[in-house]
N, C-alpha and C. Protein backbone atom coordinates (compact mmCIF):
# COMPACT_ATOMS: atom_id res chain seq x y z
N UNK A 1 -10.57 4.83 -19.88
CA UNK A 1 -10.70 3.82 -18.84
C UNK A 1 -11.16 4.50 -17.56
N UNK A 2 -11.91 3.74 -16.77
CA UNK A 2 -12.45 4.29 -15.53
C UNK A 2 -12.54 3.19 -14.48
N UNK A 3 -12.55 3.60 -13.24
CA UNK A 3 -12.70 2.64 -12.15
C UNK A 3 -14.16 2.51 -11.79
N UNK A 4 -14.56 1.29 -11.47
CA UNK A 4 -15.92 0.99 -11.06
C UNK A 4 -15.88 0.32 -9.70
N UNK A 5 -16.69 0.81 -8.78
CA UNK A 5 -16.76 0.22 -7.45
C UNK A 5 -17.47 -1.13 -7.53
N UNK A 6 -16.90 -2.12 -6.83
CA UNK A 6 -17.52 -3.44 -6.81
C UNK A 6 -17.82 -3.84 -5.37
N UNK A 7 -18.69 -4.80 -5.22
CA UNK A 7 -19.00 -5.37 -3.91
C UNK A 7 -17.81 -6.23 -3.49
N UNK A 8 -17.26 -5.97 -2.32
CA UNK A 8 -16.09 -6.72 -1.85
C UNK A 8 -16.37 -8.22 -1.81
N UNK A 9 -17.61 -8.61 -1.63
CA UNK A 9 -17.95 -10.03 -1.57
C UNK A 9 -17.84 -10.73 -2.92
N UNK A 10 -17.71 -9.96 -3.99
CA UNK A 10 -17.53 -10.55 -5.32
C UNK A 10 -16.06 -10.62 -5.71
N UNK A 11 -15.19 -10.10 -4.87
CA UNK A 11 -13.77 -10.04 -5.18
C UNK A 11 -13.17 -11.44 -5.18
N UNK A 12 -12.52 -11.78 -6.27
CA UNK A 12 -11.84 -13.07 -6.41
C UNK A 12 -10.35 -12.77 -6.52
N UNK A 13 -9.66 -12.90 -5.39
CA UNK A 13 -8.27 -12.46 -5.33
C UNK A 13 -7.47 -13.38 -4.42
N UNK A 14 -6.30 -13.77 -4.86
CA UNK A 14 -5.37 -14.51 -4.03
C UNK A 14 -4.40 -13.48 -3.42
N UNK A 15 -4.63 -13.11 -2.19
CA UNK A 15 -3.82 -12.07 -1.55
C UNK A 15 -2.35 -12.47 -1.43
N UNK A 16 -2.08 -13.76 -1.27
CA UNK A 16 -0.69 -14.21 -1.17
C UNK A 16 0.06 -13.92 -2.47
N UNK A 17 -0.59 -14.18 -3.59
CA UNK A 17 -0.01 -13.89 -4.90
C UNK A 17 0.04 -12.39 -5.16
N UNK A 18 -1.08 -11.72 -4.95
CA UNK A 18 -1.19 -10.29 -5.28
C UNK A 18 -0.21 -9.43 -4.48
N UNK A 19 -0.05 -9.73 -3.20
CA UNK A 19 0.83 -8.92 -2.36
C UNK A 19 2.26 -9.47 -2.38
N UNK A 20 2.40 -10.73 -2.06
CA UNK A 20 3.73 -11.31 -1.88
C UNK A 20 4.53 -11.53 -3.14
N UNK A 21 3.86 -11.78 -4.25
CA UNK A 21 4.58 -12.09 -5.50
C UNK A 21 4.44 -10.97 -6.55
N UNK A 22 3.21 -10.46 -6.74
CA UNK A 22 2.99 -9.44 -7.76
C UNK A 22 3.25 -8.03 -7.23
N UNK A 23 3.15 -7.85 -5.92
CA UNK A 23 3.38 -6.59 -5.22
C UNK A 23 2.22 -5.61 -5.38
N UNK A 24 2.20 -4.65 -4.51
CA UNK A 24 1.18 -3.60 -4.54
C UNK A 24 1.86 -2.27 -4.28
N UNK A 25 1.14 -1.19 -4.57
CA UNK A 25 1.62 0.14 -4.23
C UNK A 25 0.78 0.69 -3.08
N UNK A 26 1.46 1.25 -2.09
CA UNK A 26 0.82 2.00 -1.02
C UNK A 26 0.99 3.47 -1.40
N UNK A 27 -0.13 4.18 -1.53
CA UNK A 27 -0.08 5.54 -2.05
C UNK A 27 -0.91 6.47 -1.16
N UNK A 28 -0.36 7.64 -0.90
CA UNK A 28 -1.08 8.64 -0.10
C UNK A 28 -0.64 10.02 -0.55
N UNK A 29 -1.45 10.99 -0.16
CA UNK A 29 -1.14 12.38 -0.48
C UNK A 29 -2.41 13.15 -0.73
N UNK A 30 -2.23 14.30 -1.38
CA UNK A 30 -3.37 15.14 -1.72
C UNK A 30 -3.18 15.62 -3.16
N UNK A 31 -3.96 16.59 -3.58
CA UNK A 31 -3.87 17.06 -4.96
C UNK A 31 -2.60 17.87 -5.23
N UNK A 32 -1.87 18.25 -4.18
CA UNK A 32 -0.62 18.98 -4.37
C UNK A 32 0.59 18.06 -4.44
N UNK A 33 0.60 17.01 -3.61
CA UNK A 33 1.78 16.14 -3.55
C UNK A 33 1.35 14.72 -3.18
N UNK A 34 1.90 13.77 -3.92
CA UNK A 34 1.58 12.35 -3.75
C UNK A 34 2.88 11.58 -3.69
N UNK A 35 2.92 10.52 -2.89
CA UNK A 35 4.05 9.61 -2.95
C UNK A 35 3.53 8.18 -2.84
N UNK A 36 4.34 7.27 -3.32
CA UNK A 36 3.95 5.86 -3.36
C UNK A 36 5.17 5.00 -3.08
N UNK A 37 4.91 3.79 -2.66
CA UNK A 37 5.98 2.82 -2.45
C UNK A 37 5.45 1.42 -2.78
N UNK A 38 6.33 0.58 -3.25
CA UNK A 38 5.99 -0.80 -3.52
C UNK A 38 6.06 -1.58 -2.21
N UNK A 39 5.13 -2.49 -2.03
CA UNK A 39 5.10 -3.31 -0.82
C UNK A 39 4.82 -4.76 -1.20
N UNK A 40 5.51 -5.65 -0.52
CA UNK A 40 5.26 -7.08 -0.69
C UNK A 40 4.91 -7.73 0.64
N UNK A 41 4.70 -6.91 1.65
CA UNK A 41 4.24 -7.38 2.96
C UNK A 41 2.89 -6.74 3.22
N UNK A 42 1.97 -7.51 3.72
CA UNK A 42 0.66 -6.98 4.05
C UNK A 42 -0.35 -8.10 4.11
N UNK A 43 -1.58 -7.74 4.33
CA UNK A 43 -2.61 -8.75 4.42
C UNK A 43 -3.99 -8.15 4.40
N UNK A 44 -4.97 -9.06 4.37
CA UNK A 44 -6.37 -8.68 4.34
C UNK A 44 -7.14 -9.64 5.22
N UNK A 45 -8.21 -9.15 5.81
CA UNK A 45 -9.02 -10.03 6.64
C UNK A 45 -10.15 -9.27 7.30
N UNK A 46 -10.62 -9.83 8.38
CA UNK A 46 -11.70 -9.23 9.14
C UNK A 46 -11.20 -9.01 10.56
N UNK A 47 -11.38 -7.81 11.07
CA UNK A 47 -10.97 -7.46 12.41
C UNK A 47 -11.95 -6.45 12.96
N UNK A 48 -12.36 -6.62 14.19
CA UNK A 48 -13.28 -5.70 14.85
C UNK A 48 -14.56 -5.51 14.02
N UNK A 49 -15.01 -6.61 13.41
CA UNK A 49 -16.24 -6.59 12.64
C UNK A 49 -16.17 -5.85 11.32
N UNK A 50 -14.95 -5.59 10.85
CA UNK A 50 -14.78 -4.82 9.62
C UNK A 50 -13.83 -5.54 8.67
N UNK A 51 -14.03 -5.35 7.37
CA UNK A 51 -13.06 -5.81 6.38
C UNK A 51 -11.88 -4.86 6.43
N UNK A 52 -10.68 -5.41 6.61
CA UNK A 52 -9.50 -4.57 6.80
C UNK A 52 -8.33 -5.04 5.94
N UNK A 53 -7.36 -4.15 5.82
CA UNK A 53 -6.06 -4.48 5.26
C UNK A 53 -5.01 -4.17 6.32
N UNK A 54 -3.86 -4.80 6.16
CA UNK A 54 -2.71 -4.56 7.03
C UNK A 54 -1.56 -4.13 6.12
N UNK A 55 -0.96 -3.00 6.41
CA UNK A 55 0.16 -2.51 5.61
C UNK A 55 1.31 -2.18 6.55
N UNK A 56 2.51 -2.39 6.07
CA UNK A 56 3.72 -2.20 6.87
C UNK A 56 4.65 -1.22 6.18
N UNK A 57 5.12 -0.21 6.93
CA UNK A 57 6.02 0.79 6.36
C UNK A 57 7.16 1.05 7.35
N UNK A 58 8.38 0.98 6.85
CA UNK A 58 9.54 1.29 7.69
C UNK A 58 9.61 2.80 7.92
N UNK A 59 10.20 3.21 9.06
CA UNK A 59 10.20 4.64 9.43
C UNK A 59 10.93 5.53 8.44
N UNK A 60 11.93 5.03 7.75
CA UNK A 60 12.70 5.87 6.85
C UNK A 60 12.07 6.06 5.47
N UNK A 61 10.98 5.36 5.21
CA UNK A 61 10.34 5.48 3.90
C UNK A 61 9.61 6.83 3.79
N UNK A 62 9.85 7.51 2.70
CA UNK A 62 9.24 8.82 2.45
C UNK A 62 7.72 8.72 2.43
N UNK A 63 7.20 7.64 1.91
CA UNK A 63 5.74 7.45 1.83
C UNK A 63 5.10 7.47 3.21
N UNK A 64 5.83 7.08 4.25
CA UNK A 64 5.27 7.01 5.59
C UNK A 64 4.70 8.36 6.03
N UNK A 65 5.41 9.45 5.75
CA UNK A 65 4.91 10.76 6.18
C UNK A 65 3.61 11.11 5.45
N UNK A 66 3.45 10.65 4.22
CA UNK A 66 2.21 10.90 3.48
C UNK A 66 1.06 10.10 4.08
N UNK A 67 1.32 8.84 4.40
CA UNK A 67 0.30 8.01 5.04
C UNK A 67 -0.06 8.58 6.41
N UNK A 68 0.94 9.03 7.15
CA UNK A 68 0.68 9.59 8.48
C UNK A 68 -0.15 10.87 8.43
N UNK A 69 -0.01 11.65 7.37
CA UNK A 69 -0.71 12.93 7.27
C UNK A 69 -2.15 12.80 6.79
N UNK A 70 -2.51 11.64 6.25
CA UNK A 70 -3.85 11.47 5.69
C UNK A 70 -4.64 10.44 6.49
N UNK A 71 -5.94 10.55 6.44
CA UNK A 71 -6.80 9.54 7.08
C UNK A 71 -6.90 8.29 6.20
N UNK A 72 -6.81 8.49 4.89
CA UNK A 72 -6.99 7.38 3.94
C UNK A 72 -5.77 7.23 3.05
N UNK A 73 -5.58 6.04 2.52
CA UNK A 73 -4.56 5.77 1.51
C UNK A 73 -5.10 4.70 0.59
N UNK A 74 -4.37 4.42 -0.48
CA UNK A 74 -4.81 3.39 -1.41
C UNK A 74 -3.79 2.27 -1.49
N UNK A 75 -4.31 1.09 -1.78
CA UNK A 75 -3.49 -0.06 -2.17
C UNK A 75 -3.86 -0.36 -3.61
N UNK A 76 -2.87 -0.35 -4.49
CA UNK A 76 -3.13 -0.54 -5.91
C UNK A 76 -2.41 -1.79 -6.41
N UNK A 77 -3.12 -2.53 -7.23
CA UNK A 77 -2.61 -3.79 -7.78
C UNK A 77 -2.58 -3.71 -9.29
N UNK A 78 -1.60 -4.38 -9.90
CA UNK A 78 -1.34 -4.22 -11.32
C UNK A 78 -1.22 -5.58 -12.01
N UNK A 79 -1.53 -5.59 -13.30
CA UNK A 79 -1.23 -6.72 -14.16
C UNK A 79 0.09 -6.40 -14.83
N UNK A 80 1.15 -7.06 -14.39
CA UNK A 80 2.46 -6.74 -14.95
C UNK A 80 3.07 -5.54 -14.26
N UNK A 81 3.78 -4.72 -15.04
CA UNK A 81 4.44 -3.50 -14.56
C UNK A 81 5.49 -3.80 -13.49
N UNK A 82 6.07 -5.00 -13.52
CA UNK A 82 7.04 -5.38 -12.49
C UNK A 82 8.27 -4.46 -12.48
N UNK A 83 8.74 -4.07 -13.66
CA UNK A 83 9.89 -3.17 -13.73
C UNK A 83 9.57 -1.83 -13.08
N UNK A 84 8.39 -1.28 -13.39
CA UNK A 84 7.98 0.00 -12.82
C UNK A 84 7.79 -0.11 -11.31
N UNK A 85 7.18 -1.19 -10.85
CA UNK A 85 6.99 -1.38 -9.41
C UNK A 85 8.33 -1.52 -8.69
N UNK A 86 9.29 -2.15 -9.35
CA UNK A 86 10.63 -2.26 -8.77
C UNK A 86 11.26 -0.87 -8.58
N UNK A 87 11.14 -0.02 -9.58
CA UNK A 87 11.67 1.34 -9.47
C UNK A 87 10.95 2.09 -8.35
N UNK A 88 9.62 1.98 -8.30
CA UNK A 88 8.85 2.69 -7.28
C UNK A 88 9.16 2.19 -5.87
N UNK A 89 9.72 0.99 -5.76
CA UNK A 89 10.10 0.44 -4.47
C UNK A 89 11.53 0.70 -4.07
N UNK A 90 12.36 1.15 -5.02
CA UNK A 90 13.78 1.34 -4.70
C UNK A 90 14.24 2.80 -4.79
N UNK A 91 13.52 3.62 -5.54
CA UNK A 91 13.86 5.04 -5.68
C UNK A 91 12.98 5.84 -4.73
N UNK A 92 13.58 6.78 -4.04
CA UNK A 92 12.81 7.60 -3.11
C UNK A 92 12.19 8.80 -3.82
N UNK A 93 10.95 9.09 -3.47
CA UNK A 93 10.27 10.28 -3.96
C UNK A 93 10.90 11.56 -3.43
N UNK A 94 11.75 11.45 -2.41
CA UNK A 94 12.50 12.61 -1.92
C UNK A 94 13.51 13.07 -2.96
N UNK A 95 14.05 12.09 -3.70
CA UNK A 95 15.17 12.34 -4.60
C UNK A 95 14.76 12.68 -6.03
N UNK A 96 13.61 12.16 -6.46
CA UNK A 96 13.16 12.42 -7.83
C UNK A 96 11.67 12.15 -7.96
N UNK A 97 11.10 12.61 -9.04
CA UNK A 97 9.69 12.36 -9.33
C UNK A 97 9.57 10.97 -9.96
N UNK A 98 9.59 9.98 -9.10
CA UNK A 98 9.64 8.60 -9.57
C UNK A 98 8.35 8.18 -10.27
N UNK A 99 7.23 8.78 -9.92
CA UNK A 99 5.97 8.43 -10.57
C UNK A 99 6.02 8.81 -12.05
N UNK A 100 6.45 10.02 -12.35
CA UNK A 100 6.61 10.43 -13.74
C UNK A 100 7.71 9.64 -14.43
N UNK A 101 8.75 9.29 -13.69
CA UNK A 101 9.86 8.53 -14.27
C UNK A 101 9.38 7.20 -14.84
N UNK A 102 8.43 6.55 -14.19
CA UNK A 102 7.92 5.26 -14.69
C UNK A 102 6.69 5.44 -15.58
N UNK A 103 6.32 6.69 -15.83
CA UNK A 103 5.20 7.02 -16.73
C UNK A 103 3.86 6.54 -16.21
N UNK A 104 3.68 6.56 -14.87
CA UNK A 104 2.38 6.27 -14.29
C UNK A 104 1.59 7.58 -14.20
N UNK A 105 0.29 7.44 -14.19
CA UNK A 105 -0.61 8.60 -14.18
C UNK A 105 -1.47 8.56 -12.92
N UNK A 106 -1.31 9.59 -12.10
CA UNK A 106 -2.07 9.67 -10.85
C UNK A 106 -3.51 10.03 -11.16
N UNK A 107 -4.42 9.35 -10.47
CA UNK A 107 -5.83 9.67 -10.52
C UNK A 107 -6.34 9.59 -9.09
N UNK A 108 -7.56 10.05 -8.86
CA UNK A 108 -8.10 10.09 -7.50
C UNK A 108 -9.44 9.39 -7.45
N UNK A 109 -9.60 8.56 -6.44
CA UNK A 109 -10.88 7.92 -6.15
C UNK A 109 -11.28 8.37 -4.76
N UNK A 110 -12.42 8.98 -4.64
CA UNK A 110 -12.88 9.52 -3.36
C UNK A 110 -11.82 10.42 -2.72
N UNK A 111 -11.09 11.16 -3.55
CA UNK A 111 -10.07 12.09 -3.07
C UNK A 111 -8.75 11.44 -2.70
N UNK A 112 -8.62 10.14 -2.89
CA UNK A 112 -7.41 9.40 -2.52
C UNK A 112 -6.63 9.06 -3.79
N UNK A 113 -5.32 9.32 -3.81
CA UNK A 113 -4.55 9.06 -5.02
C UNK A 113 -4.31 7.57 -5.28
N UNK A 114 -4.35 7.23 -6.55
CA UNK A 114 -3.99 5.91 -7.05
C UNK A 114 -3.49 6.11 -8.47
N UNK A 115 -3.48 5.05 -9.28
CA UNK A 115 -2.91 5.16 -10.61
C UNK A 115 -3.82 4.57 -11.67
N UNK A 116 -3.89 5.27 -12.80
CA UNK A 116 -4.71 4.81 -13.92
C UNK A 116 -4.29 3.42 -14.40
N UNK A 117 -3.04 3.06 -14.22
CA UNK A 117 -2.51 1.78 -14.70
C UNK A 117 -2.93 0.59 -13.83
N UNK A 118 -3.44 0.84 -12.65
CA UNK A 118 -3.85 -0.25 -11.75
C UNK A 118 -5.08 -0.96 -12.30
N UNK A 119 -5.19 -2.24 -12.00
CA UNK A 119 -6.40 -2.97 -12.39
C UNK A 119 -7.35 -3.15 -11.21
N UNK A 120 -6.82 -2.98 -9.99
CA UNK A 120 -7.61 -3.15 -8.77
C UNK A 120 -7.09 -2.18 -7.73
N UNK A 121 -8.01 -1.48 -7.05
CA UNK A 121 -7.62 -0.48 -6.05
C UNK A 121 -8.50 -0.64 -4.82
N UNK A 122 -7.86 -0.62 -3.66
CA UNK A 122 -8.56 -0.56 -2.38
C UNK A 122 -8.38 0.85 -1.84
N UNK A 123 -9.47 1.51 -1.50
CA UNK A 123 -9.40 2.79 -0.78
C UNK A 123 -9.68 2.44 0.68
N UNK A 124 -8.73 2.80 1.56
CA UNK A 124 -8.81 2.36 2.94
C UNK A 124 -8.63 3.54 3.89
N UNK A 125 -9.20 3.38 5.09
CA UNK A 125 -9.12 4.40 6.13
C UNK A 125 -8.47 3.81 7.37
N UNK A 126 -7.43 4.48 7.86
CA UNK A 126 -6.70 3.99 9.02
C UNK A 126 -7.61 3.91 10.25
N UNK A 127 -7.52 2.78 10.97
CA UNK A 127 -8.26 2.64 12.22
C UNK A 127 -7.35 2.27 13.39
N UNK A 128 -6.10 1.86 13.09
CA UNK A 128 -5.16 1.51 14.15
C UNK A 128 -3.76 1.50 13.56
N UNK A 129 -2.79 1.88 14.39
CA UNK A 129 -1.39 1.78 13.97
C UNK A 129 -0.51 1.60 15.19
N UNK A 130 0.58 0.91 14.98
CA UNK A 130 1.54 0.69 16.05
C UNK A 130 2.84 0.22 15.41
N UNK A 131 3.93 0.32 16.16
CA UNK A 131 5.23 -0.15 15.69
C UNK A 131 5.45 -1.60 16.11
N UNK A 132 6.13 -2.32 15.25
CA UNK A 132 6.57 -3.66 15.64
C UNK A 132 7.61 -3.48 16.74
N UNK A 133 7.48 -4.27 17.78
CA UNK A 133 8.35 -4.12 18.95
C UNK A 133 9.23 -5.36 19.10
N UNK A 134 10.54 -5.16 19.26
CA UNK A 134 11.46 -6.29 19.33
C UNK A 134 11.15 -7.23 20.50
N UNK A 135 10.66 -6.69 21.60
CA UNK A 135 10.39 -7.52 22.77
C UNK A 135 9.20 -8.46 22.55
N UNK A 136 8.44 -8.25 21.49
CA UNK A 136 7.27 -9.10 21.25
C UNK A 136 7.54 -10.27 20.31
N UNK A 137 8.76 -10.37 19.77
CA UNK A 137 9.09 -11.50 18.91
C UNK A 137 9.19 -12.77 19.74
N UNK A 138 8.46 -13.78 19.36
CA UNK A 138 8.58 -15.10 19.98
C UNK A 138 9.73 -15.87 19.36
N UNK A 139 9.97 -15.62 18.08
CA UNK A 139 11.10 -16.20 17.36
C UNK A 139 12.10 -15.07 17.12
N UNK A 140 13.11 -14.97 17.97
CA UNK A 140 14.06 -13.86 17.93
C UNK A 140 14.86 -13.82 16.63
N UNK A 141 14.94 -14.95 15.93
CA UNK A 141 15.67 -14.97 14.66
C UNK A 141 15.00 -14.06 13.62
N UNK A 142 13.69 -13.85 13.73
CA UNK A 142 13.00 -12.94 12.81
C UNK A 142 13.47 -11.51 13.03
N UNK A 143 13.65 -11.12 14.28
CA UNK A 143 14.15 -9.79 14.60
C UNK A 143 15.55 -9.62 14.02
N UNK A 144 16.40 -10.58 14.24
CA UNK A 144 17.78 -10.53 13.75
C UNK A 144 17.82 -10.48 12.23
N UNK A 145 17.01 -11.30 11.59
CA UNK A 145 17.03 -11.39 10.12
C UNK A 145 16.46 -10.14 9.45
N UNK A 146 15.30 -9.66 9.91
CA UNK A 146 14.59 -8.61 9.21
C UNK A 146 14.86 -7.21 9.73
N UNK A 147 15.44 -7.10 10.93
CA UNK A 147 15.65 -5.77 11.53
C UNK A 147 17.07 -5.60 12.08
N UNK A 148 18.09 -5.86 11.28
CA UNK A 148 19.46 -5.68 11.80
C UNK A 148 19.75 -4.22 12.17
N UNK A 149 19.04 -3.29 11.53
CA UNK A 149 19.22 -1.86 11.83
C UNK A 149 18.18 -1.34 12.81
N UNK A 150 17.36 -2.22 13.34
CA UNK A 150 16.30 -1.89 14.29
C UNK A 150 15.35 -0.81 13.75
N UNK A 151 15.11 -0.86 12.43
CA UNK A 151 14.17 0.07 11.78
C UNK A 151 12.81 -0.62 11.64
N UNK A 152 12.16 -0.79 12.76
CA UNK A 152 10.93 -1.58 12.84
C UNK A 152 9.79 -0.91 12.09
N UNK A 153 9.09 -1.74 11.33
CA UNK A 153 7.94 -1.27 10.58
C UNK A 153 6.86 -0.71 11.50
N UNK A 154 6.12 0.23 10.97
CA UNK A 154 4.86 0.63 11.57
C UNK A 154 3.80 -0.18 10.84
N UNK A 155 2.90 -0.80 11.60
CA UNK A 155 1.79 -1.53 10.99
C UNK A 155 0.56 -0.64 11.03
N UNK A 156 -0.08 -0.56 9.89
CA UNK A 156 -1.33 0.20 9.76
C UNK A 156 -2.45 -0.81 9.51
N UNK A 157 -3.49 -0.72 10.31
CA UNK A 157 -4.70 -1.49 10.05
C UNK A 157 -5.72 -0.48 9.56
N UNK A 158 -6.29 -0.77 8.41
CA UNK A 158 -7.21 0.18 7.80
C UNK A 158 -8.46 -0.53 7.31
N UNK A 159 -9.61 0.07 7.57
CA UNK A 159 -10.85 -0.51 7.08
C UNK A 159 -10.99 -0.21 5.59
N UNK A 160 -11.55 -1.17 4.90
CA UNK A 160 -11.73 -1.03 3.46
C UNK A 160 -13.00 -0.23 3.21
N UNK A 161 -12.83 0.94 2.62
CA UNK A 161 -13.96 1.81 2.30
C UNK A 161 -14.55 1.47 0.95
N UNK A 162 -13.72 1.00 0.03
CA UNK A 162 -14.19 0.67 -1.31
C UNK A 162 -13.16 -0.11 -2.08
N UNK A 163 -13.66 -0.99 -2.94
CA UNK A 163 -12.82 -1.77 -3.85
C UNK A 163 -13.24 -1.39 -5.26
N UNK A 164 -12.25 -1.09 -6.10
CA UNK A 164 -12.52 -0.60 -7.44
C UNK A 164 -11.73 -1.41 -8.46
N UNK A 165 -12.37 -1.69 -9.58
CA UNK A 165 -11.70 -2.39 -10.68
C UNK A 165 -11.69 -1.48 -11.90
N UNK A 166 -10.67 -1.67 -12.71
CA UNK A 166 -10.52 -0.89 -13.92
C UNK A 166 -11.46 -1.45 -14.99
N UNK A 167 -12.27 -0.61 -15.54
CA UNK A 167 -13.17 -0.98 -16.64
C UNK A 167 -12.70 -0.30 -17.90
N UNK A 168 -12.62 -1.03 -18.98
CA UNK A 168 -12.17 -0.44 -20.24
C UNK A 168 -13.35 -0.21 -21.18
């Protein structure tokens, strides 16, 4: 199996389903060390004349340091694998080799890590990042509900460099 780059304009994807219900993996690293995390928050759109994604990572997540150290990261989408994605979202890569634990196989597209098991991969390059700030909530109940420990997500806006689909 191999990944094939496609024209983003041919992409037929329901981002609400793919991110919010099916989940995605945010993955970064290099050929020596890779980490990944499951995410169900994020988005896609157009900003500053570019096709972009929005990804959110809490400060305590181990994957954050990998994303921070690299210019690019991947968003990977899967058909199924819900059990594996659940493990990758709840077990820290600090504590164990969770990628091998779920029997996923790391591969690289344009030098950016992703997984052979993915059916769709976005390779993205960071163009902006900032922390969610409590003083900017218009609905304070969201702050109370989602940030009782005040561990505010960092939002990453990244331009889409390439979209790849798995070809068998």
